[in-house]
């Protein structure tokens, strides 16, 4: 399952490229975590409580999954709605600030997610992707999906 579409080019986010940011916006953006976000921690704690042991951010796997379970060849990602393009066709229309940067940026993230899924699939992994809002509102369902997969593959 090879994914080989041309990569989306994302312009540099700097004043020379015509993108301006305020100190307030810069401070807000600096608080965004790449790993150990609240939804990730919630998910991991619930999984651990159910007796499932895992690795986090495994560097040997494409995309460094948030949670990976080698024994079952399972890779799990907890994706943020904004960064990974949840409901993208509607959200894209509402994006008003720095559209020339954010649209290619988010579309490239979505493209990278497909590339990572494909690479993991080629390695024999099953990929679960949960949205942050699913973890926050339906944590038990998400955990149950993983447990059903594990039970089915024992």
C-alpha atoms as a PDB file:
ATOM      1  CA  UNK A   1       0.000   0.000   0.000  1.00  0.00           C
ATOM      2  CA  UNK A   2       2.361   2.676  -1.247  1.00  0.00           C
ATOM      3  CA  UNK A   3       1.456   6.340  -0.803  1.00  0.00           C
ATOM      4  CA  UNK A   4       3.280   8.519  -3.286  1.00  0.00           C
ATOM      5  CA  UNK A   5       1.402  11.715  -4.075  1.00  0.00           C
ATOM      6  CA  UNK A   6       3.474  14.884  -4.492  1.00  0.00           C
ATOM      7  CA  UNK A   7       4.104  16.567  -1.150  1.00  0.00           C
ATOM      8  CA  UNK A   8       2.160  19.748  -0.420  1.00  0.00           C
ATOM      9  CA  UNK A   9       4.547  22.690  -0.084  1.00  0.00           C
ATOM     10  CA  UNK A  10       4.050  24.761   3.069  1.00  0.00           C
ATOM     11  CA  UNK A  11       5.331  28.351   2.976  1.00  0.00           C
ATOM     12  CA  UNK A  12       7.650  29.525   5.769  1.00  0.00           C
ATOM     13  CA  UNK A  13       5.842  31.302   8.587  1.00  0.00           C
ATOM     14  CA  UNK A  14       7.838  34.494   8.957  1.00  0.00           C
ATOM     15  CA  UNK A  15       7.501  38.196   8.301  1.00  0.00           C
ATOM     16  CA  UNK A  16       9.606  37.983   5.124  1.00  0.00           C
ATOM     17  CA  UNK A  17       6.946  35.670   3.655  1.00  0.00           C
ATOM     18  CA  UNK A  18       4.209  38.126   4.567  1.00  0.00           C
ATOM     19  CA  UNK A  19       2.987  36.309   7.685  1.00  0.00           C
ATOM     20  CA  UNK A  20       2.706  38.448  10.762  1.00  0.00           C
ATOM     21  CA  UNK A  21       2.048  37.369  14.320  1.00  0.00           C
ATOM     22  CA  UNK A  22       1.472  39.187  17.573  1.00  0.00           C
ATOM     23  CA  UNK A  23       3.306  38.516  20.824  1.00  0.00           C
ATOM     24  CA  UNK A  24       0.046  37.230  22.297  1.00  0.00           C
ATOM     25  CA  UNK A  25      -0.450  34.758  19.413  1.00  0.00           C
ATOM     26  CA  UNK A  26       3.173  33.674  19.686  1.00  0.00           C
ATOM     27  CA  UNK A  27       2.728  32.988  23.405  1.00  0.00           C
ATOM     28  CA  UNK A  28      -0.451  30.963  22.780  1.00  0.00           C
ATOM     29  CA  UNK A  29       1.239  28.894  20.065  1.00  0.00           C
ATOM     30  CA  UNK A  30       4.248  28.182  22.293  1.00  0.00           C
ATOM     31  CA  UNK A  31       1.927  26.415  24.774  1.00  0.00           C
ATOM     32  CA  UNK A  32       0.834  23.791  22.223  1.00  0.00           C
ATOM     33  CA  UNK A  33       2.322  20.400  23.045  1.00  0.00           C
ATOM     34  CA  UNK A  34       3.590  17.915  20.493  1.00  0.00           C
ATOM     35  CA  UNK A  35       3.371  15.085  23.008  1.00  0.00           C
ATOM     36  CA  UNK A  36       1.883  14.401  26.435  1.00  0.00           C
ATOM     37  CA  UNK A  37      -1.209  16.482  25.728  1.00  0.00           C
ATOM     38  CA  UNK A  38      -4.115  16.164  28.173  1.00  0.00           C
ATOM     39  CA  UNK A  39      -6.152  13.870  25.878  1.00  0.00           C
ATOM     40  CA  UNK A  40      -3.084  11.653  25.338  1.00  0.00           C
ATOM     41  CA  UNK A  41      -2.480  11.388  29.077  1.00  0.00           C
ATOM     42  CA  UNK A  42      -6.155  10.591  29.717  1.00  0.00           C
ATOM     43  CA  UNK A  43      -6.067   7.869  27.072  1.00  0.00           C
ATOM     44  CA  UNK A  44      -2.801   6.357  28.324  1.00  0.00           C
ATOM     45  CA  UNK A  45      -3.908   6.315  31.972  1.00  0.00           C
ATOM     46  CA  UNK A  46      -7.187   4.604  31.058  1.00  0.00           C
ATOM     47  CA  UNK A  47      -5.362   2.042  28.905  1.00  0.00           C
ATOM     48  CA  UNK A  48      -2.862   1.359  31.709  1.00  0.00           C
ATOM     49  CA  UNK A  49      -5.734   0.894  34.198  1.00  0.00           C
ATOM     50  CA  UNK A  50      -7.134  -1.826  31.941  1.00  0.00           C
ATOM     51  CA  UNK A  51      -3.810  -3.660  32.184  1.00  0.00           C
ATOM     52  CA  UNK A  52      -2.573  -2.822  28.690  1.00  0.00           C
ATOM     53  CA  UNK A  53       1.155  -2.126  28.566  1.00  0.00           C
ATOM     54  CA  UNK A  54       2.533   0.041  25.797  1.00  0.00           C
ATOM     55  CA  UNK A  55       5.331   2.293  24.597  1.00  0.00           C
ATOM     56  CA  UNK A  56       4.962   6.007  23.909  1.00  0.00           C
ATOM     57  CA  UNK A  57       6.367   7.980  20.963  1.00  0.00           C
ATOM     58  CA  UNK A  58       8.315   5.012  19.574  1.00  0.00           C
ATOM     59  CA  UNK A  59      11.038   6.541  17.401  1.00  0.00           C
ATOM     60  CA  UNK A  60      11.588   3.320  15.439  1.00  0.00           C
ATOM     61  CA  UNK A  61       8.076   3.508  13.962  1.00  0.00           C
ATOM     62  CA  UNK A  62       7.000   5.931  11.219  1.00  0.00           C
ATOM     63  CA  UNK A  63       5.195   8.951  12.648  1.00  0.00           C
ATOM     64  CA  UNK A  64       6.267   8.129  16.238  1.00  0.00           C
ATOM     65  CA  UNK A  65       2.820   6.898  17.379  1.00  0.00           C
ATOM     66  CA  UNK A  66       1.518   8.380  20.626  1.00  0.00           C
ATOM     67  CA  UNK A  67       0.977   4.816  21.866  1.00  0.00           C
ATOM     68  CA  UNK A  68       2.315   1.608  20.350  1.00  0.00           C
ATOM     69  CA  UNK A  69       1.861  -2.000  21.362  1.00  0.00           C
ATOM     70  CA  UNK A  70       4.539  -4.088  19.685  1.00  0.00           C
ATOM     71  CA  UNK A  71       3.028  -7.436  20.683  1.00  0.00           C
ATOM     72  CA  UNK A  72      -0.151  -6.727  18.685  1.00  0.00           C
ATOM     73  CA  UNK A  73       1.476  -4.545  16.027  1.00  0.00           C
ATOM     74  CA  UNK A  74      -0.800  -1.682  16.999  1.00  0.00           C
ATOM     75  CA  UNK A  75      -0.099   2.040  16.574  1.00  0.00           C
ATOM     76  CA  UNK A  76      -2.411   4.611  18.156  1.00  0.00           C
ATOM     77  CA  UNK A  77      -2.515   8.346  17.479  1.00  0.00           C
ATOM     78  CA  UNK A  78      -4.484  11.024  19.334  1.00  0.00           C
ATOM     79  CA  UNK A  79      -4.989  13.777  16.758  1.00  0.00           C
ATOM     80  CA  UNK A  80      -5.858  17.402  17.494  1.00  0.00           C
ATOM     81  CA  UNK A  81      -8.842  18.682  15.525  1.00  0.00           C
ATOM     82  CA  UNK A  82      -7.141  21.838  14.267  1.00  0.00           C
ATOM     83  CA  UNK A  83      -3.747  20.360  13.389  1.00  0.00           C
ATOM     84  CA  UNK A  84      -5.021  17.238  11.646  1.00  0.00           C
ATOM     85  CA  UNK A  85      -7.994  18.742   9.828  1.00  0.00           C
ATOM     86  CA  UNK A  86     -11.105  17.461  11.576  1.00  0.00           C
ATOM     87  CA  UNK A  87     -14.158  18.394   9.482  1.00  0.00           C
ATOM     88  CA  UNK A  88     -11.693  20.171   7.208  1.00  0.00           C
ATOM     89  CA  UNK A  89     -13.947  21.204   4.312  1.00  0.00           C
ATOM     90  CA  UNK A  90     -16.119  23.265   6.668  1.00  0.00           C
ATOM     91  CA  UNK A  91     -13.296  24.552   8.849  1.00  0.00           C
ATOM     92  CA  UNK A  92     -11.189  25.634   5.883  1.00  0.00           C
ATOM     93  CA  UNK A  93     -13.887  28.128   4.838  1.00  0.00           C
ATOM     94  CA  UNK A  94     -13.915  29.696   8.319  1.00  0.00           C
ATOM     95  CA  UNK A  95     -10.141  30.154   8.501  1.00  0.00           C
ATOM     96  CA  UNK A  96      -9.574  33.915   8.195  1.00  0.00           C
ATOM     97  CA  UNK A  97      -6.090  34.686   9.453  1.00  0.00           C
ATOM     98  CA  UNK A  98      -2.948  33.728   7.488  1.00  0.00           C
ATOM     99  CA  UNK A  99      -4.915  31.422   5.177  1.00  0.00           C
ATOM    100  CA  UNK A 100      -1.976  31.180   2.747  1.00  0.00           C
ATOM    101  CA  UNK A 101       0.034  29.511   5.501  1.00  0.00           C
ATOM    102  CA  UNK A 102      -2.532  27.511   7.479  1.00  0.00           C
ATOM    103  CA  UNK A 103      -4.368  25.818   4.611  1.00  0.00           C
ATOM    104  CA  UNK A 104      -1.244  24.189   3.091  1.00  0.00           C
ATOM    105  CA  UNK A 105       0.114  23.519   6.601  1.00  0.00           C
ATOM    106  CA  UNK A 106      -2.936  21.563   7.749  1.00  0.00           C
ATOM    107  CA  UNK A 107      -3.393  19.842   4.382  1.00  0.00           C
ATOM    108  CA  UNK A 108       0.250  18.737   4.536  1.00  0.00           C
ATOM    109  CA  UNK A 109      -0.358  17.380   8.058  1.00  0.00           C
ATOM    110  CA  UNK A 110      -3.341  15.421   6.716  1.00  0.00           C
ATOM    111  CA  UNK A 111      -1.221  14.140   3.828  1.00  0.00           C
ATOM    112  CA  UNK A 112       1.553  13.125   6.244  1.00  0.00           C
ATOM    113  CA  UNK A 113      -1.006  11.214   8.338  1.00  0.00           C
ATOM    114  CA  UNK A 114      -1.925   9.183   5.233  1.00  0.00           C
ATOM    115  CA  UNK A 115       1.755   8.553   4.469  1.00  0.00           C
ATOM    116  CA  UNK A 116       2.386   7.393   8.053  1.00  0.00           C
ATOM    117  CA  UNK A 117      -0.696   5.133   8.001  1.00  0.00           C
ATOM    118  CA  UNK A 118       0.529   3.594   4.754  1.00  0.00           C
ATOM    119  CA  UNK A 119       4.073   3.063   6.056  1.00  0.00           C
ATOM    120  CA  UNK A 120       2.788   1.458   9.262  1.00  0.00           C
ATOM    121  CA  UNK A 121       0.407  -0.747   7.289  1.00  0.00           C
ATOM    122  CA  UNK A 122       3.350  -1.883   5.136  1.00  0.00           C
ATOM    123  CA  UNK A 123       5.125  -2.920   8.365  1.00  0.00           C
ATOM    124  CA  UNK A 124       2.091  -5.005   9.330  1.00  0.00           C
ATOM    125  CA  UNK A 125       0.705  -2.555  11.892  1.00  0.00           C
ATOM    126  CA  UNK A 126      -2.922  -1.674  12.509  1.00  0.00           C
ATOM    127  CA  UNK A 127      -3.449   2.046  13.037  1.00  0.00           C
ATOM    128  CA  UNK A 128      -6.023   3.609  15.325  1.00  0.00           C
ATOM    129  CA  UNK A 129      -6.544   7.371  15.089  1.00  0.00           C
ATOM    130  CA  UNK A 130      -8.704   9.073  17.678  1.00  0.00           C
ATOM    131  CA  UNK A 131      -9.695  12.743  17.652  1.00  0.00           C
ATOM    132  CA  UNK A 132      -9.085  14.705  20.845  1.00  0.00           C
ATOM    133  CA  UNK A 133     -12.823  15.308  21.270  1.00  0.00           C
ATOM    134  CA  UNK A 134     -13.460  11.546  21.087  1.00  0.00           C
ATOM    135  CA  UNK A 135     -10.995  10.985  23.919  1.00  0.00           C
ATOM    136  CA  UNK A 136     -12.532  13.777  25.988  1.00  0.00           C
ATOM    137  CA  UNK A 137     -16.171  12.767  25.446  1.00  0.00           C
ATOM    138  CA  UNK A 138     -16.082   9.039  24.660  1.00  0.00           C
ATOM    139  CA  UNK A 139     -12.968   7.735  26.419  1.00  0.00           C
ATOM    140  CA  UNK A 140     -14.523   4.388  27.380  1.00  0.00           C
ATOM    141  CA  UNK A 141     -15.563   3.729  23.758  1.00  0.00           C
ATOM    142  CA  UNK A 142     -12.026   4.489  22.506  1.00  0.00           C
ATOM    143  CA  UNK A 143     -10.455   2.233  25.138  1.00  0.00           C
ATOM    144  CA  UNK A 144     -13.007  -0.470  24.355  1.00  0.00           C
ATOM    145  CA  UNK A 145     -12.143  -0.302  20.618  1.00  0.00           C
ATOM    146  CA  UNK A 146      -8.501  -1.002  21.494  1.00  0.00           C
ATOM    147  CA  UNK A 147      -9.400  -3.795  23.945  1.00  0.00           C
ATOM    148  CA  UNK A 148     -11.666  -5.486  21.378  1.00  0.00           C
ATOM    149  CA  UNK A 149      -8.826  -5.384  18.843  1.00  0.00           C
ATOM    150  CA  UNK A 150      -6.377  -6.863  21.385  1.00  0.00           C
ATOM    151  CA  UNK A 151      -8.825  -9.620  22.435  1.00  0.00           C
ATOM    152  CA  UNK A 152      -9.491 -10.448  18.790  1.00  0.00           C
ATOM    153  CA  UNK A 153      -5.748 -10.781  18.084  1.00  0.00           C
ATOM    154  CA  UNK A 154      -4.723 -12.939  21.043  1.00  0.00           C
END
